[in-house]
PDB file of N, CA and C in Angstrom:
ATOM      1  N   MET A   1      39.767  23.553 -61.550  1.00  0.00           N
ATOM      2  CA  MET A   1      39.134  24.268 -62.633  1.00  0.00           C
ATOM      3  C   MET A   1      38.039  25.167 -62.067  1.00  0.00           C
ATOM      4  N   THR A   2      38.039  26.411 -62.524  1.00  0.00           N
ATOM      5  CA  THR A   2      37.024  27.376 -62.114  1.00  0.00           C
ATOM      6  C   THR A   2      36.241  27.807 -63.342  1.00  0.00           C
ATOM      7  N   SER A   3      34.949  28.028 -63.158  1.00  0.00           N
ATOM      8  CA  SER A   3      34.110  28.574 -64.224  1.00  0.00           C
ATOM      9  C   SER A   3      33.591  29.928 -63.773  1.00  0.00           C
ATOM     10  N   TYR A   4      33.684  30.906 -64.673  1.00  0.00           N
ATOM     11  CA  TYR A   4      33.220  32.260 -64.418  1.00  0.00           C
ATOM     12  C   TYR A   4      32.134  32.615 -65.426  1.00  0.00           C
ATOM     13  N   PHE A   5      31.065  33.228 -64.964  1.00  0.00           N
ATOM     14  CA  PHE A   5      30.035  33.760 -65.853  1.00  0.00           C
ATOM     15  C   PHE A   5      30.079  35.277 -65.699  1.00  0.00           C
ATOM     16  N   VAL A   6      30.526  35.955 -66.764  1.00  0.00           N
ATOM     17  CA  VAL A   6      30.745  37.390 -66.721  1.00  0.00           C
ATOM     18  C   VAL A   6      29.538  38.111 -67.311  1.00  0.00           C
ATOM     19  N   THR A   7      28.789  38.788 -66.455  1.00  0.00           N
ATOM     20  CA  THR A   7      27.646  39.561 -66.901  1.00  0.00           C
ATOM     21  C   THR A   7      27.216  40.536 -65.814  1.00  0.00           C
ATOM     22  N   ARG A   8      26.618  41.639 -66.240  1.00  0.00           N
ATOM     23  CA  ARG A   8      26.035  42.607 -65.314  1.00  0.00           C
ATOM     24  C   ARG A   8      24.510  42.499 -65.334  1.00  0.00           C
ATOM     25  N   HIS A   9      23.981  41.566 -66.101  1.00  0.00           N
ATOM     26  CA  HIS A   9      22.542  41.514 -66.359  1.00  0.00           C
ATOM     27  C   HIS A   9      21.839  40.411 -65.558  1.00  0.00           C
ATOM     28  N   LYS A  10      20.843  40.814 -64.787  1.00  0.00           N
ATOM     29  CA  LYS A  10      20.084  39.861 -63.969  1.00  0.00           C
ATOM     30  C   LYS A  10      19.406  38.793 -64.821  1.00  0.00           C
ATOM     31  N   GLY A  11      18.869  39.173 -65.973  1.00  0.00           N
ATOM     32  CA  GLY A  11      18.203  38.208 -66.850  1.00  0.00           C
ATOM     33  C   GLY A  11      19.147  37.116 -67.314  1.00  0.00           C
ATOM     34  N   ALA A  12      20.403  37.468 -67.576  1.00  0.00           N
ATOM     35  CA  ALA A  12      21.395  36.483 -68.000  1.00  0.00           C
ATOM     36  C   ALA A  12      21.730  35.530 -66.854  1.00  0.00           C
ATOM     37  N   VAL A  13      21.831  36.060 -65.642  1.00  0.00           N
ATOM     38  CA  VAL A  13      22.099  35.206 -64.473  1.00  0.00           C
ATOM     39  C   VAL A  13      20.945  34.238 -64.265  1.00  0.00           C
ATOM     40  N   GLN A  14      19.715  34.725 -64.383  1.00  0.00           N
ATOM     41  CA  GLN A  14      18.541  33.854 -64.244  1.00  0.00           C
ATOM     42  C   GLN A  14      18.520  32.789 -65.333  1.00  0.00           C
ATOM     43  N   TRP A  15      18.863  33.174 -66.551  1.00  0.00           N
ATOM     44  CA  TRP A  15      18.910  32.224 -67.665  1.00  0.00           C
ATOM     45  C   TRP A  15      19.919  31.116 -67.377  1.00  0.00           C
ATOM     46  N   ALA A  16      21.107  31.495 -66.905  1.00  0.00           N
ATOM     47  CA  ALA A  16      22.152  30.507 -66.609  1.00  0.00           C
ATOM     48  C   ALA A  16      21.706  29.537 -65.514  1.00  0.00           C
ATOM     49  N   ARG A  17      21.066  30.063 -64.483  1.00  0.00           N
ATOM     50  CA  ARG A  17      20.569  29.199 -63.399  1.00  0.00           C
ATOM     51  C   ARG A  17      19.540  28.207 -63.943  1.00  0.00           C
ATOM     52  N   LYS A  18      18.623  28.714 -64.766  1.00  0.00           N
ATOM     53  CA  LYS A  18      17.584  27.854 -65.331  1.00  0.00           C
ATOM     54  C   LYS A  18      18.191  26.744 -66.188  1.00  0.00           C
ATOM     55  N   LYS A  19      19.301  27.046 -66.861  1.00  0.00           N
ATOM     56  CA  LYS A  19      19.986  26.061 -67.716  1.00  0.00           C
ATOM     57  C   LYS A  19      20.882  25.131 -66.911  1.00  0.00           C
ATOM     58  N   GLY A  20      20.990  25.353 -65.603  1.00  0.00           N
ATOM     59  CA  GLY A  20      21.829  24.500 -64.764  1.00  0.00           C
ATOM     60  C   GLY A  20      23.312  24.794 -64.886  1.00  0.00           C
ATOM     61  N   ILE A  21      23.654  25.984 -65.329  1.00  0.00           N
ATOM     62  CA  ILE A  21      25.060  26.365 -65.488  1.00  0.00           C
ATOM     63  C   ILE A  21      25.608  26.754 -64.124  1.00  0.00           C
ATOM     64  N   GLU A  22      26.645  26.056 -63.726  1.00  0.00           N
ATOM     65  CA  GLU A  22      27.281  26.328 -62.438  1.00  0.00           C
ATOM     66  C   GLU A  22      28.584  27.074 -62.674  1.00  0.00           C
ATOM     67  N   ALA A  23      28.588  28.348 -62.307  1.00  0.00           N
ATOM     68  CA  ALA A  23      29.767  29.186 -62.504  1.00  0.00           C
ATOM     69  C   ALA A  23      29.705  30.338 -61.512  1.00  0.00           C
ATOM     70  N   GLU A  24      30.880  30.855 -61.204  1.00  0.00           N
ATOM     71  CA  GLU A  24      30.970  32.023 -60.333  1.00  0.00           C
ATOM     72  C   GLU A  24      30.557  33.247 -61.136  1.00  0.00           C
ATOM     73  N   HIS A  25      29.542  33.966 -60.669  1.00  0.00           N
ATOM     74  CA  HIS A  25      29.066  35.153 -61.376  1.00  0.00           C
ATOM     75  C   HIS A  25      29.936  36.347 -61.014  1.00  0.00           C
ATOM     76  N   VAL A  26      30.456  37.028 -62.035  1.00  0.00           N
ATOM     77  CA  VAL A  26      31.231  38.249 -61.832  1.00  0.00           C
ATOM     78  C   VAL A  26      30.763  39.305 -62.827  1.00  0.00           C
ATOM     79  N   ALA A  27      30.751  40.571 -62.393  1.00  0.00           N
ATOM     80  CA  ALA A  27      30.311  41.656 -63.267  1.00  0.00           C
ATOM     81  C   ALA A  27      31.428  42.126 -64.198  1.00  0.00           C
ATOM     82  N   HIS A  28      32.665  42.019 -63.750  1.00  0.00           N
ATOM     83  CA  HIS A  28      33.833  42.428 -64.547  1.00  0.00           C
ATOM     84  C   HIS A  28      34.851  41.305 -64.461  1.00  0.00           C
ATOM     85  N   PHE A  29      35.723  41.202 -65.478  1.00  0.00           N
ATOM     86  CA  PHE A  29      36.633  40.073 -65.511  1.00  0.00           C
ATOM     87  C   PHE A  29      38.042  40.501 -65.882  1.00  0.00           C
ATOM     88  N   ASP A  30      38.997  39.915 -65.180  1.00  0.00           N
ATOM     89  CA  ASP A  30      40.418  40.113 -65.453  1.00  0.00           C
ATOM     90  C   ASP A  30      40.968  38.789 -65.968  1.00  0.00           C
ATOM     91  N   ALA A  31      41.392  38.757 -67.223  1.00  0.00           N
ATOM     92  CA  ALA A  31      41.893  37.514 -67.819  1.00  0.00           C
ATOM     93  C   ALA A  31      43.104  36.963 -67.064  1.00  0.00           C
ATOM     94  N   GLY A  32      43.765  37.789 -66.271  1.00  0.00           N
ATOM     95  CA  GLY A  32      44.886  37.326 -65.470  1.00  0.00           C
ATOM     96  C   GLY A  32      44.492  36.309 -64.412  1.00  0.00           C
ATOM     97  N   LEU A  33      43.206  36.175 -64.144  1.00  0.00           N
ATOM     98  CA  LEU A  33      42.714  35.183 -63.182  1.00  0.00           C
ATOM     99  C   LEU A  33      42.681  33.772 -63.757  1.00  0.00           C
ATOM    100  N   VAL A  34      42.733  33.653 -65.081  1.00  0.00           N
ATOM    101  CA  VAL A  34      42.529  32.368 -65.754  1.00  0.00           C
ATOM    102  C   VAL A  34      43.729  31.445 -65.585  1.00  0.00           C
ATOM    103  N   HIS A  35      43.402  30.210 -65.230  1.00  0.00           N
ATOM    104  CA  HIS A  35      44.387  29.133 -65.177  1.00  0.00           C
ATOM    105  C   HIS A  35      44.014  28.085 -66.218  1.00  0.00           C
ATOM    106  N   GLU A  36      44.963  27.259 -66.566  1.00  0.00           N
ATOM    107  CA  GLU A  36      44.737  26.164 -67.520  1.00  0.00           C
ATOM    108  C   GLU A  36      43.461  25.404 -67.147  1.00  0.00           C
ATOM    109  N   GLY A  37      42.552  25.259 -68.115  1.00  0.00           N
ATOM    110  CA  GLY A  37      41.336  24.486 -67.897  1.00  0.00           C
ATOM    111  C   GLY A  37      40.153  25.255 -67.351  1.00  0.00           C
ATOM    112  N   ASP A  38      40.336  26.541 -66.992  1.00  0.00           N
ATOM    113  CA  ASP A  38      39.214  27.347 -66.515  1.00  0.00           C
ATOM    114  C   ASP A  38      38.255  27.633 -67.664  1.00  0.00           C
ATOM    115  N   ASN A  39      36.999  27.840 -67.329  1.00  0.00           N
ATOM    116  CA  ASN A  39      35.970  28.198 -68.305  1.00  0.00           C
ATOM    117  C   ASN A  39      35.486  29.607 -68.014  1.00  0.00           C
ATOM    118  N   VAL A  40      35.360  30.405 -69.079  1.00  0.00           N
ATOM    119  CA  VAL A  40      34.836  31.755 -68.959  1.00  0.00           C
ATOM    120  C   VAL A  40      33.656  31.874 -69.906  1.00  0.00           C
ATOM    121  N   LEU A  41      32.510  32.291 -69.367  1.00  0.00           N
ATOM    122  CA  LEU A  41      31.282  32.418 -70.139  1.00  0.00           C
ATOM    123  C   LEU A  41      30.855  33.877 -70.127  1.00  0.00           C
ATOM    124  N   GLY A  42      30.342  34.370 -71.237  1.00  0.00           N
ATOM    125  CA  GLY A  42      29.854  35.738 -71.274  1.00  0.00           C
ATOM    126  C   GLY A  42      29.917  36.328 -72.658  1.00  0.00           C
ATOM    127  N   THR A  43      29.933  37.647 -72.698  1.00  0.00           N
ATOM    128  CA  THR A  43      30.030  38.394 -73.951  1.00  0.00           C
ATOM    129  C   THR A  43      31.160  39.392 -73.763  1.00  0.00           C
ATOM    130  N   LEU A  44      32.358  38.963 -74.110  1.00  0.00           N
ATOM    131  CA  LEU A  44      33.563  39.743 -73.833  1.00  0.00           C
ATOM    132  C   LEU A  44      34.225  40.240 -75.112  1.00  0.00           C
ATOM    133  N   PRO A  45      35.023  41.309 -75.023  1.00  0.00           N
ATOM    134  CA  PRO A  45      35.782  41.793 -76.180  1.00  0.00           C
ATOM    135  C   PRO A  45      36.775  40.739 -76.654  1.00  0.00           C
ATOM    136  N   VAL A  46      37.019  40.708 -77.963  1.00  0.00           N
ATOM    137  CA  VAL A  46      37.869  39.677 -78.555  1.00  0.00           C
ATOM    138  C   VAL A  46      39.287  39.702 -77.984  1.00  0.00           C
ATOM    139  N   SER A  47      39.798  40.867 -77.608  1.00  0.00           N
ATOM    140  CA  SER A  47      41.151  40.923 -77.042  1.00  0.00           C
ATOM    141  C   SER A  47      41.225  40.196 -75.701  1.00  0.00           C
ATOM    142  N   ILE A  48      40.199  40.307 -74.899  1.00  0.00           N
ATOM    143  CA  ILE A  48      40.162  39.586 -73.616  1.00  0.00           C
ATOM    144  C   ILE A  48      39.989  38.090 -73.861  1.00  0.00           C
ATOM    145  N   VAL A  49      39.176  37.736 -74.836  1.00  0.00           N
ATOM    146  CA  VAL A  49      38.989  36.320 -75.172  1.00  0.00           C
ATOM    147  C   VAL A  49      40.322  35.719 -75.621  1.00  0.00           C
ATOM    148  N   ALA A  50      41.093  36.453 -76.410  1.00  0.00           N
ATOM    149  CA  ALA A  50      42.406  35.962 -76.839  1.00  0.00           C
ATOM    150  C   ALA A  50      43.307  35.725 -75.632  1.00  0.00           C
ATOM    151  N   ASP A  51      43.257  36.613 -74.649  1.00  0.00           N
ATOM    152  CA  ASP A  51      44.059  36.436 -73.428  1.00  0.00           C
ATOM    153  C   ASP A  51      43.616  35.183 -72.665  1.00  0.00           C
ATOM    154  N   ILE A  52      42.315  34.971 -72.568  1.00  0.00           N
ATOM    155  CA  ILE A  52      41.780  33.788 -71.888  1.00  0.00           C
ATOM    156  C   ILE A  52      42.309  32.525 -72.554  1.00  0.00           C
ATOM    157  N   CYS A  53      42.214  32.475 -73.869  1.00  0.00           N
ATOM    158  CA  CYS A  53      42.663  31.291 -74.613  1.00  0.00           C
ATOM    159  C   CYS A  53      44.171  31.095 -74.507  1.00  0.00           C
ATOM    160  N   ALA A  54      44.935  32.178 -74.536  1.00  0.00           N
ATOM    161  CA  ALA A  54      46.395  32.092 -74.434  1.00  0.00           C
ATOM    162  C   ALA A  54      46.827  31.530 -73.085  1.00  0.00           C
ATOM    163  N   ARG A  55      46.019  31.740 -72.069  1.00  0.00           N
ATOM    164  CA  ARG A  55      46.333  31.249 -70.727  1.00  0.00           C
ATOM    165  C   ARG A  55      45.836  29.822 -70.504  1.00  0.00           C
ATOM    166  N   GLY A  56      45.261  29.208 -71.549  1.00  0.00           N
ATOM    167  CA  GLY A  56      44.795  27.831 -71.420  1.00  0.00           C
ATOM    168  C   GLY A  56      43.346  27.701 -70.986  1.00  0.00           C
ATOM    169  N   GLY A  57      42.614  28.810 -70.976  1.00  0.00           N
ATOM    170  CA  GLY A  57      41.201  28.767 -70.625  1.00  0.00           C
ATOM    171  C   GLY A  57      40.332  28.498 -71.836  1.00  0.00           C
ATOM    172  N   ARG A  58      39.089  28.200 -71.577  1.00  0.00           N
ATOM    173  CA  ARG A  58      38.091  28.001 -72.635  1.00  0.00           C
ATOM    174  C   ARG A  58      37.063  29.119 -72.522  1.00  0.00           C
ATOM    175  N   TYR A  59      36.652  29.657 -73.677  1.00  0.00           N
ATOM    176  CA  TYR A  59      35.695  30.759 -73.698  1.00  0.00           C
ATOM    177  C   TYR A  59      34.401  30.323 -74.377  1.00  0.00           C
ATOM    178  N   PHE A  60      33.291  30.570 -73.691  1.00  0.00           N
ATOM    179  CA  PHE A  60      31.961  30.254 -74.203  1.00  0.00           C
ATOM    180  C   PHE A  60      31.193  31.572 -74.318  1.00  0.00           C
ATOM    181  N   HIS A  61      30.901  31.962 -75.557  1.00  0.00           N
ATOM    182  CA  HIS A  61      30.242  33.243 -75.827  1.00  0.00           C
ATOM    183  C   HIS A  61      28.736  33.103 -75.687  1.00  0.00           C
ATOM    184  N   LEU A  62      28.136  34.034 -74.965  1.00  0.00           N
ATOM    185  CA  LEU A  62      26.688  34.075 -74.830  1.00  0.00           C
ATOM    186  C   LEU A  62      26.136  34.801 -76.053  1.00  0.00           C
ATOM    187  N   SER A  63      25.617  34.020 -76.996  1.00  0.00           N
ATOM    188  CA  SER A  63      25.117  34.560 -78.255  1.00  0.00           C
ATOM    189  C   SER A  63      23.608  34.716 -78.208  1.00  0.00           C
ATOM    190  N   LEU A  64      23.143  35.836 -78.749  1.00  0.00           N
ATOM    191  CA  LEU A  64      21.711  36.125 -78.839  1.00  0.00           C
ATOM    192  C   LEU A  64      21.446  36.801 -80.177  1.00  0.00           C
ATOM    193  N   ASP A  65      20.243  36.654 -80.678  1.00  0.00           N
ATOM    194  CA  ASP A  65      19.828  37.351 -81.888  1.00  0.00           C
ATOM    195  C   ASP A  65      18.850  38.444 -81.457  1.00  0.00           C
ATOM    196  N   ILE A  66      19.409  39.603 -81.074  1.00  0.00           N
ATOM    197  CA  ILE A  66      18.606  40.690 -80.518  1.00  0.00           C
ATOM    198  C   ILE A  66      18.230  41.672 -81.629  1.00  0.00           C
ATOM    199  N   PRO A  67      16.938  41.920 -81.812  1.00  0.00           N
ATOM    200  CA  PRO A  67      16.513  42.912 -82.804  1.00  0.00           C
ATOM    201  C   PRO A  67      17.043  44.304 -82.443  1.00  0.00           C
ATOM    202  N   ALA A  68      17.247  45.129 -83.444  1.00  0.00           N
ATOM    203  CA  ALA A  68      17.827  46.464 -83.240  1.00  0.00           C
ATOM    204  C   ALA A  68      17.049  47.285 -82.214  1.00  0.00           C
ATOM    205  N   ASP A  69      15.726  47.190 -82.218  1.00  0.00           N
ATOM    206  CA  ASP A  69      14.928  48.007 -81.298  1.00  0.00           C
ATOM    207  C   ASP A  69      14.969  47.511 -79.854  1.00  0.00           C
ATOM    208  N   GLU A  70      15.578  46.364 -79.618  1.00  0.00           N
ATOM    209  CA  GLU A  70      15.701  45.816 -78.261  1.00  0.00           C
ATOM    210  C   GLU A  70      17.113  45.988 -77.690  1.00  0.00           C
ATOM    211  N   ARG A  71      18.061  46.433 -78.515  1.00  0.00           N
ATOM    212  CA  ARG A  71      19.449  46.576 -78.058  1.00  0.00           C
ATOM    213  C   ARG A  71      19.576  47.718 -77.057  1.00  0.00           C
ATOM    214  N   GLY A  72      20.469  47.520 -76.100  1.00  0.00           N
ATOM    215  CA  GLY A  72      20.714  48.549 -75.091  1.00  0.00           C
ATOM    216  C   GLY A  72      19.747  48.510 -73.928  1.00  0.00           C
ATOM    217  N   LYS A  73      18.819  47.558 -73.950  1.00  0.00           N
ATOM    218  CA  LYS A  73      17.846  47.424 -72.866  1.00  0.00           C
ATOM    219  C   LYS A  73      18.258  46.285 -71.947  1.00  0.00           C
ATOM    220  N   GLU A  74      17.793  46.352 -70.715  1.00  0.00           N
ATOM    221  CA  GLU A  74      18.002  45.253 -69.773  1.00  0.00           C
ATOM    222  C   GLU A  74      17.106  44.090 -70.205  1.00  0.00           C
ATOM    223  N   LEU A  75      17.705  42.934 -70.450  1.00  0.00           N
ATOM    224  CA  LEU A  75      16.937  41.773 -70.903  1.00  0.00           C
ATOM    225  C   LEU A  75      16.493  40.915 -69.728  1.00  0.00           C
ATOM    226  N   THR A  76      15.275  40.428 -69.800  1.00  0.00           N
ATOM    227  CA  THR A  76      14.738  39.519 -68.790  1.00  0.00           C
ATOM    228  C   THR A  76      15.055  38.080 -69.179  1.00  0.00           C
ATOM    229  N   LEU A  77      14.782  37.168 -68.278  1.00  0.00           N
ATOM    230  CA  LEU A  77      14.913  35.748 -68.588  1.00  0.00           C
ATOM    231  C   LEU A  77      14.086  35.403 -69.818  1.00  0.00           C
ATOM    232  N   GLN A  78      12.878  35.916 -69.884  1.00  0.00           N
ATOM    233  CA  GLN A  78      11.996  35.643 -71.024  1.00  0.00           C
ATOM    234  C   GLN A  78      12.590  36.192 -72.320  1.00  0.00           C
ATOM    235  N   ASP A  79      13.199  37.373 -72.252  1.00  0.00           N
ATOM    236  CA  ASP A  79      13.856  37.946 -73.431  1.00  0.00           C
ATOM    237  C   ASP A  79      15.009  37.057 -73.890  1.00  0.00           C
ATOM    238  N   MET A  80      15.793  36.587 -72.927  1.00  0.00           N
ATOM    239  CA  MET A  80      16.934  35.723 -73.251  1.00  0.00           C
ATOM    240  C   MET A  80      16.466  34.499 -74.038  1.00  0.00           C
ATOM    241  N   GLU A  81      15.384  33.901 -73.576  1.00  0.00           N
ATOM    242  CA  GLU A  81      14.853  32.722 -74.260  1.00  0.00           C
ATOM    243  C   GLU A  81      14.267  33.096 -75.618  1.00  0.00           C
ATOM    244  N   LYS A  82      13.543  34.211 -75.670  1.00  0.00           N
ATOM    245  CA  LYS A  82      12.908  34.651 -76.919  1.00  0.00           C
ATOM    246  C   LYS A  82      13.954  34.942 -78.000  1.00  0.00           C
ATOM    247  N   PHE A  83      15.103  35.473 -77.601  1.00  0.00           N
ATOM    248  CA  PHE A  83      16.138  35.835 -78.559  1.00  0.00           C
ATOM    249  C   PHE A  83      17.150  34.712 -78.790  1.00  0.00           C
ATOM    250  N   GLY A  84      16.831  33.511 -78.313  1.00  0.00           N
ATOM    251  CA  GLY A  84      17.628  32.326 -78.625  1.00  0.00           C
ATOM    252  C   GLY A  84      18.988  32.260 -77.968  1.00  0.00           C
ATOM    253  N   ALA A  85      19.080  32.672 -76.720  1.00  0.00           N
ATOM    254  CA  ALA A  85      20.368  32.643 -76.011  1.00  0.00           C
ATOM    255  C   ALA A  85      20.975  31.248 -76.042  1.00  0.00           C
ATOM    256  N   VAL A  86      22.266  31.202 -76.339  1.00  0.00           N
ATOM    257  CA  VAL A  86      23.001  29.944 -76.394  1.00  0.00           C
ATOM    258  C   VAL A  86      24.470  30.247 -76.092  1.00  0.00           C
ATOM    259  N   LEU A  87      25.148  29.279 -75.507  1.00  0.00           N
ATOM    260  CA  LEU A  87      26.590  29.399 -75.285  1.00  0.00           C
ATOM    261  C   LEU A  87      27.317  28.664 -76.402  1.00  0.00           C
ATOM    262  N   GLU A  88      28.265  29.362 -77.031  1.00  0.00           N
ATOM    263  CA  GLU A  88      29.064  28.789 -78.119  1.00  0.00           C
ATOM    264  C   GLU A  88      30.534  28.943 -77.781  1.00  0.00           C
ATOM    265  N   GLU A  89      31.291  27.854 -77.895  1.00  0.00           N
ATOM    266  CA  GLU A  89      32.717  27.925 -77.574  1.00  0.00           C
ATOM    267  C   GLU A  89      33.498  28.524 -78.735  1.00  0.00           C
ATOM    268  N   PHE A  90      34.409  29.450 -78.395  1.00  0.00           N
ATOM    269  CA  PHE A  90      35.307  30.062 -79.368  1.00  0.00           C
ATOM    270  C   PHE A  90      36.740  29.904 -78.879  1.00  0.00           C
ATOM    271  N   ASP A  91      37.644  29.655 -79.811  1.00  0.00           N
ATOM    272  CA  ASP A  91      39.069  29.580 -79.535  1.00  0.00           C
ATOM    273  C   ASP A  91      39.713  30.705 -80.333  1.00  0.00           C
ATOM    274  N   VAL A  92      40.172  31.744 -79.646  1.00  0.00           N
ATOM    275  CA  VAL A  92      40.670  32.959 -80.300  1.00  0.00           C
ATOM    276  C   VAL A  92      42.170  33.093 -80.067  1.00  0.00           C
ATOM    277  N   ARG A  93      42.895  33.355 -81.141  1.00  0.00           N
ATOM    278  CA  ARG A  93      44.348  33.533 -81.072  1.00  0.00           C
ATOM    279  C   ARG A  93      44.734  34.823 -81.772  1.00  0.00           C
ATOM    280  N   ARG A  94      45.698  35.530 -81.198  1.00  0.00           N
ATOM    281  CA  ARG A  94      46.268  36.690 -81.874  1.00  0.00           C
ATOM    282  C   ARG A  94      47.198  36.202 -82.975  1.00  0.00           C
ATOM    283  N   VAL A  95      47.218  36.925 -84.086  1.00  0.00           N
ATOM    284  CA  VAL A  95      48.133  36.557 -85.180  1.00  0.00           C
ATOM    285  C   VAL A  95      49.058  37.728 -85.502  1.00  0.00           C
TER     286      VAL A  95
END
């Protein structure tokens, strides 16, 4: 089983380390890498999440409550905590 943390943001990587999350950090992700039982963490498009789930992987979405005036900015570790960063598991299927 492999765990991947997909993000381009240093603050998110620092947040994951502080939380004790052990995963391979990657800036971009190809769902074709997923094997049964792999974990993928991040903020990915729903179509990629559906591919992850179809391949037997588990997807954990990095959820934050970011105010409109803070969107589009590089977030720090402190920002991640301030905006309530949490990982939530989603199981997505195409219909």
